[in-house]
Amino acid sequence: MSDTGLDPVMRERLLADPAAILGDRDLMRALVSAREEELGANVIDIRGRAMEALEHRLDRLEATHESVIAAAFDNQSGVAMVHRAVLGLLESVDLAEFVASLQSDIAPLLRIETLRLIVEEAPPLSLPEDVIVAPEGLIERIVAAGRRAPRGTDIVLRPAMVVTRPLHGRSVGSEALLPLDLGGGRPRALLLMGSVEATRFMPAHGTDLLRFFAQVFRLILLERLRG
């Protein structure tokens, strides 16, 4: 044994590769603590304090890095999910199949529980039975619920409201409202999404993917109406 009390083999290994200690946080923390105990309570080891500060900063950087990676992964996953849903919409051959696929096929692709097309009373249009035909003015009241200054073209993300529960046909925790402009001479329309997750659709979330989906949905719906 050497006068340091260390096993000679271990001592030689550490001298040959000091990074083995420097790269281990627990070992470094133990060494700093031992040094501070040796110095006594009245002496502050600036190097130890600096190492602690750097360690905390590294922890914050790692947490930020993980959050950025998670957000990028979620965004990529969301894009792929919406793309699959759009392809599902394009596979329909007529208006009836297009509307029927919303709840049975497209909602699961979007990982939501409800997906309803709401159209205000429109005698000129021949609509499938799966379309919810609402009284005139209902869509405006639905969009305005819980908002001080709603704008009709906005996508609305919010906790589920009592006023929309009959339209979902089941209890949901959060919902997305996507207004659809079908053009002059056509009634107001709305695409209503519902999720059992209370945090799925929140006002602070981005709406780019939902806006893209709504635009594609609108174009396909117009094409099916013409057909």
C-alpha atoms as a PDB file:
ATOM      1  CA  MET A   1       0.000   0.000   0.000  1.00  0.00           C
ATOM      2  CA  SER A   2       1.202   3.537  -0.727  1.00  0.00           C
ATOM      3  CA  ASP A   3       1.334   6.296   1.903  1.00  0.00           C
ATOM      4  CA  THR A   4      -1.913   7.648   0.412  1.00  0.00           C
ATOM      5  CA  GLY A   5      -3.814   4.610   1.595  1.00  0.00           C
ATOM      6  CA  LEU A   6      -4.829   3.787  -1.975  1.00  0.00           C
ATOM      7  CA  ASP A   7      -4.355   0.430  -3.577  1.00  0.00           C
ATOM      8  CA  PRO A   8      -1.271   0.817  -5.832  1.00  0.00           C
ATOM      9  CA  VAL A   9      -3.049  -0.590  -8.859  1.00  0.00           C
ATOM     10  CA  MET A  10      -6.000   1.758  -8.359  1.00  0.00           C
ATOM     11  CA  ARG A  11      -3.607   4.684  -7.821  1.00  0.00           C
ATOM     12  CA  GLU A  12      -1.761   3.974 -11.056  1.00  0.00           C
ATOM     13  CA  ARG A  13      -5.038   3.698 -12.967  1.00  0.00           C
ATOM     14  CA  LEU A  14      -6.242   7.051 -11.635  1.00  0.00           C
ATOM     15  CA  LEU A  15      -2.933   8.747 -12.399  1.00  0.00           C
ATOM     16  CA  ALA A  16      -3.031   7.335 -15.913  1.00  0.00           C
ATOM     17  CA  ASP A  17      -6.637   8.377 -16.507  1.00  0.00           C
ATOM     18  CA  PRO A  18      -7.733  11.247 -14.187  1.00  0.00           C
ATOM     19  CA  ALA A  19     -10.722  11.877 -16.460  1.00  0.00           C
ATOM     20  CA  ALA A  20     -12.290   8.810 -14.889  1.00  0.00           C
ATOM     21  CA  ILE A  21     -12.864  10.940 -11.789  1.00  0.00           C
ATOM     22  CA  LEU A  22     -13.486  14.246 -13.533  1.00  0.00           C
ATOM     23  CA  GLY A  23     -16.262  12.708 -15.617  1.00  0.00           C
ATOM     24  CA  ASP A  24     -18.094  11.265 -12.631  1.00  0.00           C
ATOM     25  CA  ARG A  25     -20.300  13.816 -10.856  1.00  0.00           C
ATOM     26  CA  ASP A  26     -20.759  11.758  -7.707  1.00  0.00           C
ATOM     27  CA  LEU A  27     -17.016  11.253  -7.252  1.00  0.00           C
ATOM     28  CA  MET A  28     -16.269  14.929  -7.855  1.00  0.00           C
ATOM     29  CA  ARG A  29     -18.999  15.953  -5.419  1.00  0.00           C
ATOM     30  CA  ALA A  30     -17.592  13.615  -2.780  1.00  0.00           C
ATOM     31  CA  LEU A  31     -14.058  14.976  -3.292  1.00  0.00           C
ATOM     32  CA  VAL A  32     -15.235  18.578  -2.968  1.00  0.00           C
ATOM     33  CA  SER A  33     -17.183  17.757   0.191  1.00  0.00           C
ATOM     34  CA  ALA A  34     -14.163  16.018   1.701  1.00  0.00           C
ATOM     35  CA  ARG A  35     -11.994  19.022   0.866  1.00  0.00           C
ATOM     36  CA  GLU A  36     -14.438  21.448   2.469  1.00  0.00           C
ATOM     37  CA  GLU A  37     -14.610  19.321   5.627  1.00  0.00           C
ATOM     38  CA  GLU A  38     -10.822  19.327   5.770  1.00  0.00           C
ATOM     39  CA  LEU A  39     -10.677  23.129   5.468  1.00  0.00           C
ATOM     40  CA  GLY A  40     -13.218  23.674   8.213  1.00  0.00           C
ATOM     41  CA  ALA A  41     -16.503  25.583   8.466  1.00  0.00           C
ATOM     42  CA  ASN A  42     -14.849  29.027   8.369  1.00  0.00           C
ATOM     43  CA  VAL A  43     -13.140  28.521   5.002  1.00  0.00           C
ATOM     44  CA  ILE A  44     -14.989  28.628   1.689  1.00  0.00           C
ATOM     45  CA  ASP A  45     -13.600  26.648  -1.234  1.00  0.00           C
ATOM     46  CA  ILE A  46     -14.328  28.896  -4.246  1.00  0.00           C
ATOM     47  CA  ARG A  47     -13.517  26.062  -6.631  1.00  0.00           C
ATOM     48  CA  GLY A  48     -16.134  23.869  -5.002  1.00  0.00           C
ATOM     49  CA  ARG A  49     -18.752  26.607  -5.235  1.00  0.00           C
ATOM     50  CA  ALA A  50     -17.843  27.235  -8.866  1.00  0.00           C
ATOM     51  CA  MET A  51     -18.201  23.534  -9.635  1.00  0.00           C
ATOM     52  CA  GLU A  52     -21.634  23.464  -7.985  1.00  0.00           C
ATOM     53  CA  ALA A  53     -22.735  26.478 -10.043  1.00  0.00           C
ATOM     54  CA  LEU A  54     -21.495  24.843 -13.246  1.00  0.00           C
ATOM     55  CA  GLU A  55     -23.248  21.630 -12.293  1.00  0.00           C
ATOM     56  CA  HIS A  56     -26.576  23.412 -11.806  1.00  0.00           C
ATOM     57  CA  ARG A  57     -26.114  25.201 -15.137  1.00  0.00           C
ATOM     58  CA  LEU A  58     -25.381  21.890 -16.846  1.00  0.00           C
ATOM     59  CA  ASP A  59     -28.521  20.392 -15.333  1.00  0.00           C
ATOM     60  CA  ARG A  60     -30.582  23.287 -16.734  1.00  0.00           C
ATOM     61  CA  LEU A  61     -28.969  22.939 -20.168  1.00  0.00           C
ATOM     62  CA  GLU A  62     -29.675  19.206 -20.218  1.00  0.00           C
ATOM     63  CA  ALA A  63     -33.295  19.789 -19.226  1.00  0.00           C
ATOM     64  CA  THR A  64     -33.670  22.414 -21.966  1.00  0.00           C
ATOM     65  CA  HIS A  65     -32.046  20.098 -24.497  1.00  0.00           C
ATOM     66  CA  GLU A  66     -34.435  17.283 -23.586  1.00  0.00           C
ATOM     67  CA  SER A  67     -37.429  19.628 -23.841  1.00  0.00           C
ATOM     68  CA  VAL A  68     -36.367  20.826 -27.301  1.00  0.00           C
ATOM     69  CA  ILE A  69     -35.929  17.249 -28.512  1.00  0.00           C
ATOM     70  CA  ALA A  70     -39.305  16.244 -27.076  1.00  0.00           C
ATOM     71  CA  ALA A  71     -41.021  19.235 -28.721  1.00  0.00           C
ATOM     72  CA  ALA A  72     -39.397  18.452 -32.090  1.00  0.00           C
ATOM     73  CA  PHE A  73     -40.470  14.824 -31.828  1.00  0.00           C
ATOM     74  CA  ASP A  74     -44.038  15.820 -30.920  1.00  0.00           C
ATOM     75  CA  ASN A  75     -44.167  18.221 -33.865  1.00  0.00           C
ATOM     76  CA  GLN A  76     -42.878  15.598 -36.289  1.00  0.00           C
ATOM     77  CA  SER A  77     -45.347  13.083 -34.916  1.00  0.00           C
ATOM     78  CA  GLY A  78     -48.180  15.611 -35.278  1.00  0.00           C
ATOM     79  CA  VAL A  79     -47.276  16.339 -38.899  1.00  0.00           C
ATOM     80  CA  ALA A  80     -47.247  12.633 -39.766  1.00  0.00           C
ATOM     81  CA  MET A  81     -50.580  12.149 -37.995  1.00  0.00           C
ATOM     82  CA  VAL A  82     -52.282  14.981 -39.906  1.00  0.00           C
ATOM     83  CA  HIS A  83     -50.830  13.743 -43.198  1.00  0.00           C
ATOM     84  CA  ARG A  84     -52.305  10.288 -42.593  1.00  0.00           C
ATOM     85  CA  ALA A  85     -55.672  11.857 -41.807  1.00  0.00           C
ATOM     86  CA  VAL A  86     -55.581  13.926 -45.020  1.00  0.00           C
ATOM     87  CA  LEU A  87     -54.813  10.802 -47.049  1.00  0.00           C
ATOM     88  CA  GLY A  88     -57.768   9.143 -45.361  1.00  0.00           C
ATOM     89  CA  LEU A  89     -60.044  11.998 -46.435  1.00  0.00           C
ATOM     90  CA  LEU A  90     -58.837  11.741 -50.025  1.00  0.00           C
ATOM     91  CA  GLU A  91     -59.714   8.047 -50.183  1.00  0.00           C
ATOM     92  CA  SER A  92     -63.462   8.750 -49.964  1.00  0.00           C
ATOM     93  CA  VAL A  93     -65.341   8.400 -53.255  1.00  0.00           C
ATOM     94  CA  ASP A  94     -68.397  10.542 -52.561  1.00  0.00           C
ATOM     95  CA  LEU A  95     -69.925  12.932 -50.018  1.00  0.00           C
ATOM     96  CA  ALA A  96     -71.644  10.225 -47.982  1.00  0.00           C
ATOM     97  CA  GLU A  97     -68.470   8.178 -47.582  1.00  0.00           C
ATOM     98  CA  PHE A  98     -66.461  11.338 -46.902  1.00  0.00           C
ATOM     99  CA  VAL A  99     -68.700  12.351 -44.002  1.00  0.00           C
ATOM    100  CA  ALA A 100     -69.136   8.818 -42.674  1.00  0.00           C
ATOM    101  CA  SER A 101     -65.357   8.354 -42.494  1.00  0.00           C
ATOM    102  CA  LEU A 102     -64.890  11.281 -40.104  1.00  0.00           C
ATOM    103  CA  GLN A 103     -65.908   9.484 -36.935  1.00  0.00           C
ATOM    104  CA  SER A 104     -65.053   5.929 -37.951  1.00  0.00           C
ATOM    105  CA  ASP A 105     -61.687   6.400 -39.686  1.00  0.00           C
ATOM    106  CA  ILE A 106     -60.293   9.940 -39.451  1.00  0.00           C
ATOM    107  CA  ALA A 107     -60.862  10.543 -35.725  1.00  0.00           C
ATOM    108  CA  PRO A 108     -58.737   7.509 -34.737  1.00  0.00           C
ATOM    109  CA  LEU A 109     -55.981   8.662 -37.101  1.00  0.00           C
ATOM    110  CA  LEU A 110     -55.967  12.026 -35.307  1.00  0.00           C
ATOM    111  CA  ARG A 111     -56.096  10.270 -31.923  1.00  0.00           C
ATOM    112  CA  ILE A 112     -59.264  12.046 -30.893  1.00  0.00           C
ATOM    113  CA  GLU A 113     -62.637  10.701 -29.805  1.00  0.00           C
ATOM    114  CA  THR A 114     -65.032  12.842 -31.838  1.00  0.00           C
ATOM    115  CA  LEU A 115     -64.926  14.537 -35.227  1.00  0.00           C
ATOM    116  CA  ARG A 116     -68.199  16.123 -36.357  1.00  0.00           C
ATOM    117  CA  LEU A 117     -69.185  18.249 -39.320  1.00  0.00           C
ATOM    118  CA  ILE A 118     -71.784  20.844 -38.368  1.00  0.00           C
ATOM    119  CA  VAL A 119     -73.700  22.775 -41.019  1.00  0.00           C
ATOM    120  CA  GLU A 120     -76.375  25.363 -40.341  1.00  0.00           C
ATOM    121  CA  GLU A 121     -79.814  24.838 -41.898  1.00  0.00           C
ATOM    122  CA  ALA A 122     -79.340  24.658 -45.644  1.00  0.00           C
ATOM    123  CA  PRO A 123     -82.287  23.490 -47.754  1.00  0.00           C
ATOM    124  CA  PRO A 124     -80.346  23.918 -51.035  1.00  0.00           C
ATOM    125  CA  LEU A 125     -77.776  21.297 -49.965  1.00  0.00           C
ATOM    126  CA  SER A 126     -78.405  17.573 -49.934  1.00  0.00           C
ATOM    127  CA  LEU A 127     -76.378  16.389 -46.928  1.00  0.00           C
ATOM    128  CA  PRO A 128     -75.709  12.870 -45.584  1.00  0.00           C
ATOM    129  CA  GLU A 129     -77.345  11.908 -42.315  1.00  0.00           C
ATOM    130  CA  ASP A 130     -73.992  11.949 -40.474  1.00  0.00           C
ATOM    131  CA  VAL A 131     -73.807  15.726 -40.889  1.00  0.00           C
ATOM    132  CA  ILE A 132     -75.158  17.632 -37.889  1.00  0.00           C
ATOM    133  CA  VAL A 133     -77.634  20.183 -39.240  1.00  0.00           C
ATOM    134  CA  ALA A 134     -77.876  23.047 -36.756  1.00  0.00           C
ATOM    135  CA  PRO A 135     -80.250  26.020 -36.479  1.00  0.00           C
ATOM    136  CA  GLU A 136     -79.035  29.261 -37.990  1.00  0.00           C
ATOM    137  CA  GLY A 137     -76.836  31.192 -35.576  1.00  0.00           C
ATOM    138  CA  LEU A 138     -75.823  28.152 -33.513  1.00  0.00           C
ATOM    139  CA  ILE A 139     -72.274  28.005 -34.854  1.00  0.00           C
ATOM    140  CA  GLU A 140     -71.687  31.635 -33.920  1.00  0.00           C
ATOM    141  CA  ARG A 141     -72.942  30.962 -30.394  1.00  0.00           C
ATOM    142  CA  ILE A 142     -70.750  27.859 -30.109  1.00  0.00           C
ATOM    143  CA  VAL A 143     -67.617  29.704 -31.238  1.00  0.00           C
ATOM    144  CA  ALA A 144     -68.384  32.664 -28.969  1.00  0.00           C
ATOM    145  CA  ALA A 145     -68.948  30.540 -25.857  1.00  0.00           C
ATOM    146  CA  GLY A 146     -66.462  31.506 -23.187  1.00  0.00           C
ATOM    147  CA  ARG A 147     -64.794  34.252 -25.264  1.00  0.00           C
ATOM    148  CA  ARG A 148     -65.076  38.020 -24.926  1.00  0.00           C
ATOM    149  CA  ALA A 149     -64.280  39.019 -28.491  1.00  0.00           C
ATOM    150  CA  PRO A 150     -64.466  35.992 -30.785  1.00  0.00           C
ATOM    151  CA  ARG A 151     -63.653  36.196 -34.466  1.00  0.00           C
ATOM    152  CA  GLY A 152     -65.548  33.844 -36.725  1.00  0.00           C
ATOM    153  CA  THR A 153     -62.508  32.702 -38.717  1.00  0.00           C
ATOM    154  CA  ASP A 154     -60.415  31.784 -35.678  1.00  0.00           C
ATOM    155  CA  ILE A 155     -59.612  28.225 -34.696  1.00  0.00           C
ATOM    156  CA  VAL A 156     -60.686  27.811 -31.084  1.00  0.00           C
ATOM    157  CA  LEU A 157     -58.937  25.471 -28.649  1.00  0.00           C
ATOM    158  CA  ARG A 158     -60.517  25.195 -25.213  1.00  0.00           C
ATOM    159  CA  PRO A 159     -61.845  22.950 -22.448  1.00  0.00           C
ATOM    160  CA  ALA A 160     -65.050  21.232 -23.528  1.00  0.00           C
ATOM    161  CA  MET A 161     -68.138  23.422 -23.114  1.00  0.00           C
ATOM    162  CA  VAL A 162     -71.595  22.349 -22.030  1.00  0.00           C
ATOM    163  CA  VAL A 163     -73.083  23.871 -25.186  1.00  0.00           C
ATOM    164  CA  THR A 164     -71.169  21.455 -27.431  1.00  0.00           C
ATOM    165  CA  ARG A 165     -71.694  18.239 -25.440  1.00  0.00           C
ATOM    166  CA  PRO A 166     -74.817  17.192 -27.407  1.00  0.00           C
ATOM    167  CA  LEU A 167     -72.871  17.712 -30.638  1.00  0.00           C
ATOM    168  CA  HIS A 168     -69.985  15.504 -29.530  1.00  0.00           C
ATOM    169  CA  GLY A 169     -72.422  12.805 -28.482  1.00  0.00           C
ATOM    170  CA  ARG A 170     -70.251  11.929 -25.494  1.00  0.00           C
ATOM    171  CA  SER A 171     -68.309  13.550 -22.679  1.00  0.00           C
ATOM    172  CA  VAL A 172     -64.957  15.042 -23.723  1.00  0.00           C
ATOM    173  CA  GLY A 173     -62.297  16.975 -21.852  1.00  0.00           C
ATOM    174  CA  SER A 174     -61.195  19.472 -24.502  1.00  0.00           C
ATOM    175  CA  GLU A 175     -62.249  20.510 -27.975  1.00  0.00           C
ATOM    176  CA  ALA A 176     -61.117  22.259 -31.154  1.00  0.00           C
ATOM    177  CA  LEU A 177     -63.457  24.331 -33.331  1.00  0.00           C
ATOM    178  CA  LEU A 178     -62.450  24.784 -36.962  1.00  0.00           C
ATOM    179  CA  PRO A 179     -64.744  27.216 -38.854  1.00  0.00           C
ATOM    180  CA  LEU A 180     -65.185  26.413 -42.552  1.00  0.00           C
ATOM    181  CA  ASP A 181     -65.899  29.016 -45.201  1.00  0.00           C
ATOM    182  CA  LEU A 182     -67.847  27.220 -47.933  1.00  0.00           C
ATOM    183  CA  GLY A 183     -68.232  30.336 -50.070  1.00  0.00           C
ATOM    184  CA  GLY A 184     -71.054  32.674 -50.965  1.00  0.00           C
ATOM    185  CA  GLY A 185     -74.544  31.233 -51.087  1.00  0.00           C
ATOM    186  CA  ARG A 186     -73.618  28.313 -48.832  1.00  0.00           C
ATOM    187  CA  PRO A 187     -74.386  27.991 -45.124  1.00  0.00           C
ATOM    188  CA  ARG A 188     -71.925  28.338 -42.249  1.00  0.00           C
ATOM    189  CA  ALA A 189     -70.051  25.173 -41.340  1.00  0.00           C
ATOM    190  CA  LEU A 190     -67.829  24.025 -38.518  1.00  0.00           C
ATOM    191  CA  LEU A 191     -65.566  21.053 -37.914  1.00  0.00           C
ATOM    192  CA  LEU A 192     -65.725  20.024 -34.260  1.00  0.00           C
ATOM    193  CA  MET A 193     -63.008  17.888 -32.662  1.00  0.00           C
ATOM    194  CA  GLY A 194     -63.191  16.417 -29.179  1.00  0.00           C
ATOM    195  CA  SER A 195     -60.690  14.613 -26.959  1.00  0.00           C
ATOM    196  CA  VAL A 196     -61.137  12.943 -23.594  1.00  0.00           C
ATOM    197  CA  GLU A 197     -57.796  14.489 -22.606  1.00  0.00           C
ATOM    198  CA  ALA A 198     -58.300  17.827 -20.892  1.00  0.00           C
ATOM    199  CA  THR A 199     -54.904  19.080 -22.101  1.00  0.00           C
ATOM    200  CA  ARG A 200     -55.144  17.925 -25.735  1.00  0.00           C
ATOM    201  CA  PHE A 201     -56.607  21.211 -27.007  1.00  0.00           C
ATOM    202  CA  MET A 202     -55.490  24.228 -24.983  1.00  0.00           C
ATOM    203  CA  PRO A 203     -55.618  27.949 -25.942  1.00  0.00           C
ATOM    204  CA  ALA A 204     -51.831  28.246 -25.721  1.00  0.00           C
ATOM    205  CA  HIS A 205     -51.234  25.506 -28.290  1.00  0.00           C
ATOM    206  CA  GLY A 206     -50.305  26.261 -31.885  1.00  0.00           C
ATOM    207  CA  THR A 207     -52.921  25.864 -34.604  1.00  0.00           C
ATOM    208  CA  ASP A 208     -50.820  25.548 -37.781  1.00  0.00           C
ATOM    209  CA  LEU A 209     -51.462  21.834 -38.274  1.00  0.00           C
ATOM    210  CA  LEU A 210     -55.168  22.182 -37.500  1.00  0.00           C
ATOM    211  CA  ARG A 211     -55.415  25.102 -39.919  1.00  0.00           C
ATOM    212  CA  PHE A 212     -53.787  23.007 -42.644  1.00  0.00           C
ATOM    213  CA  PHE A 213     -56.171  20.122 -41.938  1.00  0.00           C
ATOM    214  CA  ALA A 214     -59.185  22.473 -42.015  1.00  0.00           C
ATOM    215  CA  GLN A 215     -58.097  23.962 -45.354  1.00  0.00           C
ATOM    216  CA  VAL A 216     -57.661  20.537 -46.944  1.00  0.00           C
ATOM    217  CA  PHE A 217     -60.950  19.346 -45.444  1.00  0.00           C
ATOM    218  CA  ARG A 218     -62.749  22.392 -46.853  1.00  0.00           C
ATOM    219  CA  LEU A 219     -61.397  21.842 -50.375  1.00  0.00           C
ATOM    220  CA  ILE A 220     -62.342  18.159 -50.378  1.00  0.00           C
ATOM    221  CA  LEU A 221     -65.792  18.942 -48.969  1.00  0.00           C
ATOM    222  CA  LEU A 222     -66.428  21.514 -51.702  1.00  0.00           C
ATOM    223  CA  GLU A 223     -65.349  19.025 -54.325  1.00  0.00           C
ATOM    224  CA  ARG A 224     -67.666  16.345 -52.895  1.00  0.00           C
ATOM    225  CA  LEU A 225     -70.543  18.835 -52.799  1.00  0.00           C
ATOM    226  CA  ARG A 226     -70.031  19.593 -56.472  1.00  0.00           C
ATOM    227  CA  GLY A 227     -69.939  15.888 -57.253  1.00  0.00           C
END
